[in-house]
Protein backbone atom coordinates (compact mmCIF):
# COMPACT_ATOMS: atom_id res chain seq x y z
CA UNK A 1 15.35 -2.71 -59.23
CA UNK A 2 12.79 -0.24 -59.59
CA UNK A 3 9.59 -0.22 -61.64
CA UNK A 4 9.91 -0.29 -65.53
CA UNK A 5 8.02 1.82 -68.02
CA UNK A 6 6.88 0.89 -71.51
CA UNK A 7 9.76 2.64 -72.89
CA UNK A 8 12.38 0.71 -70.86
CA UNK A 9 10.91 -2.74 -72.20
CA UNK A 10 12.95 -3.52 -75.40
CA UNK A 11 10.58 -6.42 -76.54
CA UNK A 12 7.18 -4.40 -76.09
CA UNK A 13 5.22 -5.92 -78.74
CA UNK A 14 1.42 -6.49 -79.41
CA UNK A 15 2.19 -10.11 -78.28
CA UNK A 16 3.42 -9.30 -74.98
CA UNK A 17 1.51 -6.11 -74.68
CA UNK A 18 -0.24 -7.39 -71.43
CA UNK A 19 3.35 -7.21 -69.78
CA UNK A 20 4.11 -3.60 -70.90
CA UNK A 21 1.66 -1.67 -68.75
CA UNK A 22 2.45 1.55 -67.39
CA UNK A 23 2.03 1.83 -63.57
CA UNK A 24 -1.26 3.74 -63.67
CA UNK A 25 -2.96 0.74 -65.58
CA UNK A 26 -1.12 -1.63 -63.23
CA UNK A 27 -2.56 0.22 -60.15
CA UNK A 28 -6.17 0.31 -61.59
CA UNK A 29 -5.88 -3.45 -62.24
CA UNK A 30 -5.33 -4.13 -58.42
CA UNK A 31 -8.71 -2.25 -57.80
CA UNK A 32 -10.91 -4.71 -59.93
CA UNK A 33 -13.16 -6.80 -57.81
CA UNK A 34 -13.12 -10.66 -58.77
CA UNK A 35 -16.86 -10.23 -60.01
CA UNK A 36 -15.76 -7.31 -62.35
CA UNK A 37 -13.06 -9.64 -63.79
CA UNK A 38 -15.27 -12.43 -64.54
CA UNK A 39 -18.02 -10.24 -66.18
CA UNK A 40 -16.13 -10.67 -69.55
CA UNK A 41 -14.87 -13.22 -71.76
CA UNK A 42 -11.31 -14.42 -71.23
CA UNK A 43 -9.22 -13.57 -74.39
CA UNK A 44 -6.78 -16.26 -73.46
CA UNK A 45 -8.55 -19.31 -72.73
CA UNK A 46 -12.17 -18.39 -73.97
CA UNK A 47 -13.94 -18.85 -70.68
CA UNK A 48 -17.23 -17.18 -70.98
CA UNK A 49 -18.41 -14.37 -68.71
CA UNK A 50 -19.27 -15.50 -65.05
CA UNK A 51 -16.88 -18.63 -65.57
CA UNK A 52 -13.30 -18.95 -64.25
CA UNK A 53 -10.37 -19.23 -66.58
CA UNK A 54 -8.96 -22.82 -67.15
CA UNK A 55 -5.42 -24.35 -67.41
CA UNK A 56 -4.35 -26.53 -70.15
CA UNK A 57 -5.23 -29.35 -68.27
CA UNK A 58 -8.99 -28.42 -67.82
CA UNK A 59 -8.59 -27.55 -64.17
CA UNK A 60 -9.51 -24.09 -63.21
CA UNK A 61 -6.63 -21.47 -62.58
CA UNK A 62 -6.44 -19.69 -58.94
CA UNK A 63 -6.35 -16.27 -60.66
CA UNK A 64 -7.93 -15.09 -64.11
CA UNK A 65 -5.46 -14.66 -66.96
CA UNK A 66 -3.79 -11.26 -67.19
CA UNK A 67 -5.48 -10.32 -70.58
CA UNK A 68 -8.93 -10.86 -68.79
CA UNK A 69 -8.08 -8.44 -66.17
CA UNK A 70 -7.05 -5.86 -68.83
CA UNK A 71 -10.12 -6.31 -71.06
CA UNK A 72 -12.32 -5.98 -67.70
CA UNK A 73 -10.67 -2.75 -66.99
CA UNK A 74 -11.29 -1.39 -70.48
CA UNK A 75 -14.95 -2.11 -70.21
């Protein structure tokens, strides 16, 4: 299967907008450094800038939430 664009995903709504990025945005997300991603507050778990994202159990996530990567790319 190939890559999907926003138009090919039938359920692309505001709730799952982070899953519906065009390929150009996804490639830009890969270029962010961990320091750049951690420079913004996470919209998903509320982790402040400089602090890693948390799981529901209170432990740190191995990767930041996708929404945090998106917000850091916009800033």
